[in-house]
Protein backbone atom coordinates (compact mmCIF):
# COMPACT_ATOMS: atom_id res chain seq x y z
CA MET A 1 -0.01 0.11 -0.01
CA ILE A 2 1.33 3.45 -0.87
CA SER A 3 1.92 5.61 2.00
CA LYS A 4 0.58 9.16 2.28
CA ALA A 5 4.22 10.59 2.18
CA THR A 6 4.83 8.56 -1.06
CA ARG A 7 1.49 9.97 -2.60
CA VAL A 8 2.40 13.54 -1.85
CA ALA A 9 5.96 13.08 -3.29
CA MET A 10 4.56 11.42 -6.45
CA ALA A 11 1.95 14.24 -6.89
CA ALA A 12 4.73 16.79 -6.44
CA LEU A 13 6.77 14.97 -9.16
CA MET A 14 3.72 14.99 -11.65
CA LEU A 15 2.82 18.52 -10.81
CA GLY A 16 6.56 19.42 -11.52
CA ALA A 17 6.68 17.45 -14.77
CA SER A 18 3.39 19.08 -15.93
CA ALA A 19 4.65 22.40 -15.26
CA LEU A 20 7.74 21.66 -17.25
CA ALA A 21 5.77 20.34 -20.22
CA VAL A 22 3.63 23.53 -20.22
CA GLN A 23 6.76 25.66 -19.92
CA ALA A 24 8.21 23.68 -23.05
CA GLU A 25 4.93 23.82 -24.88
CA GLY A 26 4.64 27.71 -24.38
CA TRP A 27 8.13 28.61 -25.09
CA MET A 28 8.40 31.56 -27.43
CA PRO A 29 11.72 32.93 -28.96
CA GLU A 30 12.57 36.35 -27.64
CA SER A 31 13.90 37.69 -30.89
CA PRO A 32 12.95 35.17 -33.57
CA GLU A 33 15.64 35.04 -36.43
CA CYS A 34 16.10 32.93 -39.57
CA ILE A 35 19.44 32.94 -41.66
CA ALA A 36 18.90 32.45 -45.39
CA PRO A 37 22.25 31.25 -46.56
CA ALA A 38 22.18 33.22 -49.94
CA ASN A 39 21.27 36.61 -51.39
CA PRO A 40 17.59 37.71 -51.23
CA GLY A 41 15.51 35.82 -53.80
CA GLY A 42 15.79 32.03 -54.33
CA GLY A 43 14.79 29.07 -52.24
CA TRP A 44 16.34 29.46 -48.95
CA ASP A 45 15.27 33.30 -48.70
CA PHE A 46 11.71 32.32 -49.69
CA THR A 47 11.74 29.62 -46.94
CA CYS A 48 12.63 32.08 -44.10
CA ARG A 49 10.40 34.73 -45.31
CA GLN A 50 7.34 32.74 -45.96
CA VAL A 51 7.53 30.48 -42.90
CA GLY A 52 8.21 33.48 -40.81
CA LYS A 53 5.15 35.38 -41.95
CA VAL A 54 2.87 32.35 -41.64
CA MET A 55 4.07 31.71 -38.07
CA GLN A 56 3.37 35.38 -36.97
CA ASP A 57 0.08 35.34 -38.69
CA MET A 58 -0.86 32.06 -36.83
CA GLY A 59 0.53 33.42 -33.55
CA LEU A 60 3.22 30.75 -33.35
CA ILE A 61 5.64 33.36 -32.78
CA ASP A 62 4.82 36.80 -31.14
CA LYS A 63 7.24 39.13 -32.89
CA THR A 64 8.44 39.54 -36.50
CA MET A 65 10.93 36.80 -37.63
CA GLN A 66 14.06 38.68 -38.67
CA VAL A 67 15.65 37.39 -41.80
CA VAL A 68 19.34 37.65 -42.22
CA ASN A 69 20.75 36.98 -45.66
CA LEU A 70 24.34 35.34 -45.10
CA ALA A 71 25.59 34.13 -48.46
CA GLY A 72 28.94 32.55 -49.30
CA GLY A 73 30.24 28.96 -49.87
CA GLY A 74 26.88 27.48 -51.10
CA GLY A 75 25.59 27.62 -47.41
CA GLY A 76 28.90 27.14 -45.86
CA VAL A 77 29.20 30.73 -44.40
CA ALA A 78 25.98 30.42 -42.59
CA TYR A 79 26.78 26.88 -41.36
CA ALA A 80 30.05 27.95 -39.94
CA GLU A 81 28.34 31.12 -38.37
CA THR A 82 25.74 28.72 -36.73
CA VAL A 83 28.34 26.41 -35.45
CA ASN A 84 31.12 28.77 -34.27
CA LYS A 85 29.30 31.96 -33.33
CA ARG A 86 25.67 31.17 -32.65
CA ASN A 87 25.89 27.62 -31.23
CA ASP A 88 23.91 28.32 -28.09
CA SER A 89 21.24 30.61 -29.69
CA ASN A 90 17.57 29.43 -28.86
CA ASP A 91 16.10 32.06 -31.10
CA LEU A 92 17.70 30.86 -34.36
CA ILE A 93 16.69 28.66 -37.34
CA VAL A 94 18.55 28.27 -40.44
CA ALA A 95 16.97 27.57 -43.99
CA ALA A 96 18.30 24.26 -45.46
CA SER A 97 17.65 22.12 -48.36
CA SER A 98 18.95 19.07 -50.45
CA ALA A 99 21.90 21.44 -51.60
CA THR A 100 22.93 21.56 -47.92
CA ALA A 101 22.93 17.81 -47.54
CA THR A 102 24.90 17.64 -50.98
CA ARG A 103 27.72 20.02 -49.73
CA LEU A 104 28.01 18.28 -46.30
CA ALA A 105 28.20 14.87 -47.91
CA GLN A 106 30.92 16.17 -50.34
CA GLY A 107 32.87 17.83 -47.66
CA ALA A 108 32.20 21.21 -48.94
CA PHE A 109 31.76 22.78 -45.55
CA PRO A 110 35.61 22.44 -44.28
CA GLY A 111 35.71 21.37 -40.66
CA ASN A 112 31.90 21.16 -40.37
CA THR A 113 29.65 18.00 -40.12
CA VAL A 114 26.07 17.24 -40.06
CA ASP A 115 26.09 16.42 -36.41
CA GLN A 116 27.04 19.80 -35.35
CA VAL A 117 23.50 21.37 -35.71
CA ARG A 118 19.99 20.02 -34.77
CA TRP A 119 17.71 19.19 -37.61
CA VAL A 120 14.35 20.70 -37.00
CA ALA A 121 11.66 19.80 -39.67
CA SER A 122 10.85 19.94 -43.29
CA VAL A 123 8.22 22.26 -44.84
CA GLY A 124 7.74 20.51 -48.26
CA ALA A 125 9.94 19.37 -51.31
CA ASP A 126 10.36 19.94 -54.82
CA TYR A 127 10.58 16.42 -56.38
CA GLY A 128 12.99 15.58 -58.96
CA VAL A 129 11.60 14.31 -62.30
CA ILE A 130 13.12 12.45 -65.33
CA ALA A 131 11.64 13.52 -68.64
CA VAL A 132 12.16 12.85 -72.50
CA ALA A 133 11.15 14.98 -75.40
CA LYS A 134 7.34 14.48 -76.36
CA SER A 135 8.44 12.79 -79.56
CA SER A 136 10.78 10.17 -77.79
CA PRO A 137 9.80 6.61 -78.35
CA VAL A 138 10.76 5.96 -74.67
CA THR A 139 7.48 6.00 -72.57
CA THR A 140 8.65 4.60 -69.16
CA LEU A 141 11.59 4.95 -66.92
CA PRO A 142 12.55 1.38 -67.06
CA GLU A 143 12.75 1.55 -70.79
CA LEU A 144 15.21 4.56 -70.61
CA LEU A 145 17.21 2.79 -67.63
CA THR A 146 17.57 -0.46 -69.66
CA GLN A 147 19.00 1.27 -72.60
CA MET A 148 21.52 3.01 -70.06
CA LYS A 149 22.32 -0.48 -68.76
CA ASP A 150 22.66 -2.26 -72.02
CA ASP A 151 24.62 0.54 -73.77
CA PRO A 152 25.53 3.68 -71.66
CA THR A 153 26.80 5.63 -74.54
CA SER A 154 23.36 5.57 -76.16
CA VAL A 155 21.80 7.88 -73.44
CA ALA A 156 22.91 11.16 -72.46
CA VAL A 157 21.05 13.07 -69.75
CA ALA A 158 20.94 16.76 -69.36
CA GLY A 159 20.49 18.69 -66.26
CA GLY A 160 20.93 22.23 -64.98
CA SER A 161 23.45 21.72 -62.30
CA ALA A 162 27.19 20.98 -62.38
CA VAL A 163 28.71 17.33 -62.50
CA GLY A 164 28.01 16.01 -59.08
CA GLY A 165 25.42 18.50 -58.25
CA TRP A 166 21.84 17.65 -57.26
CA ASP A 167 20.39 17.19 -60.94
CA HIS A 168 23.25 14.79 -61.68
CA LEU A 169 22.71 12.92 -58.44
CA LYS A 170 18.98 12.43 -59.06
CA VAL A 171 19.56 10.43 -62.21
CA LEU A 172 22.29 8.42 -60.59
CA ILE A 173 19.87 7.62 -57.87
CA ALA A 174 17.59 6.04 -60.23
CA ALA A 175 20.29 4.23 -62.16
CA ASN A 176 21.62 2.86 -58.91
CA ALA A 177 18.18 1.86 -57.66
CA TYR A 178 17.68 -0.02 -61.02
CA GLY A 179 20.81 -2.01 -60.59
CA ILE A 180 23.29 -0.14 -62.67
CA GLU A 181 26.36 -0.98 -60.81
CA ASP A 182 28.75 1.40 -62.14
CA VAL A 183 26.93 4.86 -62.28
CA ARG A 184 30.10 6.40 -63.70
CA LYS A 185 29.08 5.16 -67.06
CA VAL A 186 25.82 7.20 -66.85
CA LYS A 187 26.45 10.09 -69.38
CA TYR A 188 25.36 13.41 -67.65
CA ILE A 189 25.86 16.83 -69.46
CA ALA A 190 25.40 19.94 -67.39
CA PHE A 191 24.05 22.96 -68.58
CA ASP A 192 23.43 26.57 -67.12
CA GLY A 193 19.91 25.81 -65.78
CA GLY A 194 17.16 23.55 -66.57
CA GLY A 195 15.64 25.89 -69.53
CA GLU A 196 19.00 25.29 -71.38
CA ALA A 197 18.96 21.47 -70.66
CA VAL A 198 15.48 21.31 -72.17
CA THR A 199 16.60 23.29 -75.17
CA GLN A 200 19.26 20.72 -75.91
CA LEU A 201 16.82 17.86 -75.24
CA LEU A 202 14.50 19.46 -77.78
CA ALA A 203 17.19 19.69 -80.31
CA GLY A 204 18.10 16.15 -79.95
CA SER A 205 21.45 16.67 -78.48
CA VAL A 206 20.50 14.47 -75.44
CA GLN A 207 18.08 11.73 -74.88
CA ALA A 208 16.60 12.79 -71.39
CA PHE A 209 16.27 15.73 -68.84
CA THR A 210 16.83 15.59 -65.07
CA GLY A 211 15.43 18.38 -63.03
CA ASP A 212 12.78 19.47 -60.31
CA LEU A 213 9.21 19.22 -60.88
CA SER A 214 8.64 22.97 -60.74
CA GLU A 215 10.95 23.73 -63.57
CA ALA A 216 9.59 20.88 -65.72
CA LYS A 217 5.95 21.59 -65.54
CA GLY A 218 6.00 24.69 -67.73
CA PHE A 219 7.63 22.63 -70.50
CA VAL A 220 5.01 19.76 -69.93
CA ASP A 221 2.22 22.40 -70.36
CA SER A 222 3.66 23.85 -73.40
CA GLY A 223 3.93 20.17 -75.03
CA ASP A 224 7.60 20.03 -75.31
CA ILE A 225 8.51 17.34 -72.86
CA ARG A 226 6.86 14.23 -71.26
CA VAL A 227 7.72 13.27 -67.46
CA ILE A 228 8.40 9.58 -67.33
CA ALA A 229 8.96 9.43 -63.57
CA VAL A 230 8.73 11.64 -60.64
CA LEU A 231 11.09 10.67 -57.80
CA ALA A 232 8.36 10.76 -55.05
CA PRO A 233 7.31 8.16 -52.68
CA GLU A 234 3.51 8.35 -54.25
CA ARG A 235 1.82 10.13 -56.70
CA LEU A 236 1.31 13.80 -56.22
CA GLU A 237 -2.01 15.70 -55.94
CA GLY A 238 -3.81 18.09 -58.27
CA GLU A 239 -2.18 18.92 -61.44
CA PHE A 240 0.77 16.77 -60.92
CA ALA A 241 -1.35 13.73 -60.33
CA GLU A 242 -0.89 12.51 -63.99
CA PHE A 243 3.03 11.93 -63.64
CA PRO A 244 4.01 8.33 -62.77
CA THR A 245 6.47 7.78 -59.93
CA ALA A 246 9.67 5.69 -60.20
CA MET A 247 8.58 3.66 -57.34
CA GLU A 248 5.21 2.50 -59.01
CA GLN A 249 7.46 1.45 -62.00
CA GLY A 250 9.55 -0.84 -59.94
CA VAL A 251 12.43 1.70 -59.39
CA PRO A 252 12.63 2.43 -55.68
CA ALA A 253 14.19 6.05 -56.11
CA ILE A 254 13.27 8.92 -54.22
CA GLY A 255 14.86 12.43 -54.98
CA ALA A 256 13.39 15.10 -52.90
CA ASN A 257 14.91 18.73 -53.11
CA TRP A 258 13.60 19.21 -49.57
CA ARG A 259 13.23 22.56 -47.76
CA GLY A 260 13.38 22.77 -44.00
CA PHE A 261 15.46 24.04 -41.13
CA TYR A 262 18.40 23.21 -38.82
CA ALA A 263 19.04 24.95 -35.59
CA PRO A 264 22.30 25.58 -33.49
CA GLY A 265 23.73 22.33 -31.86
CA GLY A 266 23.73 23.94 -28.43
CA MET A 267 20.17 24.99 -28.61
CA SER A 268 18.23 23.87 -25.29
CA ASP A 269 15.92 20.93 -25.59
CA ASP A 270 12.81 23.22 -24.62
CA ALA A 271 13.57 25.51 -27.56
CA TYR A 272 14.33 22.69 -29.90
CA ASN A 273 11.07 20.87 -29.06
CA ALA A 274 9.08 24.12 -29.28
CA TRP A 275 10.84 25.02 -32.92
CA VAL A 276 9.84 21.57 -33.98
CA GLU A 277 6.22 21.81 -32.85
CA LYS A 278 5.98 25.14 -34.27
CA VAL A 279 7.04 24.08 -37.83
CA ALA A 280 4.91 20.97 -37.51
CA THR A 281 1.88 23.00 -36.72
CA LEU A 282 2.65 25.57 -39.52
CA TYR A 283 3.01 22.52 -41.98
CA ALA A 284 -0.43 21.29 -40.97
CA SER A 285 -2.18 24.49 -41.46
CA ASP A 286 -4.44 25.54 -44.22
CA GLU A 287 -2.31 28.74 -44.45
CA TRP A 288 0.79 26.72 -45.34
CA LYS A 289 -1.07 24.32 -47.77
CA ALA A 290 -2.13 27.56 -49.76
CA VAL A 291 1.60 28.64 -49.77
CA MET A 292 2.57 25.23 -50.98
CA ALA A 293 -0.16 25.14 -53.69
CA ALA A 294 0.89 28.75 -54.94
CA ASN A 295 4.47 27.86 -55.23
CA GLY A 296 4.66 24.21 -56.33
CA ILE A 297 5.84 22.82 -53.11
CA ALA A 298 5.08 19.01 -52.87
CA PRO A 299 4.36 17.34 -49.53
CA LEU A 300 7.25 16.27 -47.34
CA ASP A 301 6.30 16.12 -43.52
CA LEU A 302 9.20 15.21 -41.45
CA LYS A 303 10.11 16.51 -38.16
CA GLY A 304 12.42 16.11 -35.04
CA ALA A 305 14.09 12.65 -35.01
CA GLU A 306 12.56 11.47 -38.13
CA PHE A 307 13.92 14.39 -39.98
CA ASP A 308 17.37 14.09 -38.45
CA LYS A 309 17.28 10.48 -39.53
CA PHE A 310 16.27 11.39 -43.23
CA VAL A 311 19.03 13.98 -43.42
CA HIS A 312 21.59 11.50 -42.25
CA GLU A 313 20.41 9.04 -44.72
CA SER A 314 20.46 11.39 -47.51
CA ILE A 315 23.90 12.48 -46.81
CA GLU A 316 25.08 8.81 -46.76
CA GLN A 317 23.49 7.94 -50.14
CA ILE A 318 24.99 11.17 -51.62
CA GLN A 319 28.39 10.33 -50.18
CA SER A 320 28.10 6.98 -51.81
CA LEU A 321 27.14 8.11 -55.25
CA SER A 322 29.67 10.82 -55.00
CA ARG A 323 32.46 8.41 -54.30
CA GLU A 324 31.47 6.24 -57.10
CA ILE A 325 31.69 9.05 -59.68
CA GLY A 326 35.02 10.45 -58.10
CA ILE A 327 33.53 13.70 -56.67
CA ILE A 328 35.08 12.59 -53.21
CA GLN A 329 37.53 9.80 -52.22
C-alpha cells in the first residue's frame, strides 16, 4: 500500500513534470531569427520569409521573424556562423535544402559535419523528375534505364546543375536503384539551368532531362516534354497527379529537393522541441497548404528525430554516389 508521504511526493513530481511540459509547450523565442544562406531571392530566402510570415500570422511567434541573408560558400558561411558563433542561440533557425545535404556529403563545408547542428523539420519538397522529349519513343523509366544499362553511350541526360550536383545525383539515384552497378558510365551533361538543358533535349543533343518538378511543369504544359518519372514516394496531388512515380514502375528511387531548417547544436531541448512543434503546426495549417499550392511545393512532412534520420540517410546516399563518380575519395 502506498503511504501518504509517497503519494504526496508522487503528486509533487507529476505537478513538476506537468509544469515543465507547459513551459516547453508555451516557449517563445525572444527575438526570432532565420538565416537564409544566400542573397535575397531563391529557395532559402523564400523559406525563411514565408515561414516567418505564416508563423506570425498564426500566432506561433509573437514578434516578426528577422531574416538575415548570409551568402557564401553555397551555405557554408551560414553553417560555420551557426556552429562557431551562434551555437547556443535558442532564437535561431536556418533554412536548408538538399543542396545543404549535398555539400555536407561532399565535404564542401570544411571542418563542419552534419552532427554539429540540430535538424528541426521539413516544410515541403520539390521532387525530382526524369523526362524525355514529347516525340521520344521512350515511354517509361525502366525503358530508359534499360537502354543505359545495355549501352551507356546511347543515352545522355541533361541537367541544370554541375557534375556532382543535385540534378546529376537524381539520375544516378534512379540508375543505382535499377541495378546499374557502375554509375560512372551514366552520361550526364551539365548546362546553365534547366531551360538550357531542355533546349538541348528538344534539339536532340541529349535523350533525357533531369530536373525538379517545378521547372519541368512549364515545358510539359507547352507540350515540349513528357515526364516519365517523378522521384516521389507516391503520386502527387492536383495538376501533378498525371505523372507516374519511379516507385510505381519498380524503381525504388526518391529524390526530394527538400526544404526545411536546422538549428544551433547547443540549442536547449525546450527551445528545440518548441521549434519542431511550431514548424509541425505550420505545416499542418491551411495557410501553409495555400503557400505550397501557390509555389509548387510538394508534400514532405518530417520533423524532429525522423527529419534528423532522413538528413543523415540522404547524406550517406549522396556520399556513396559521389565516391562512385569520383567527386570525393
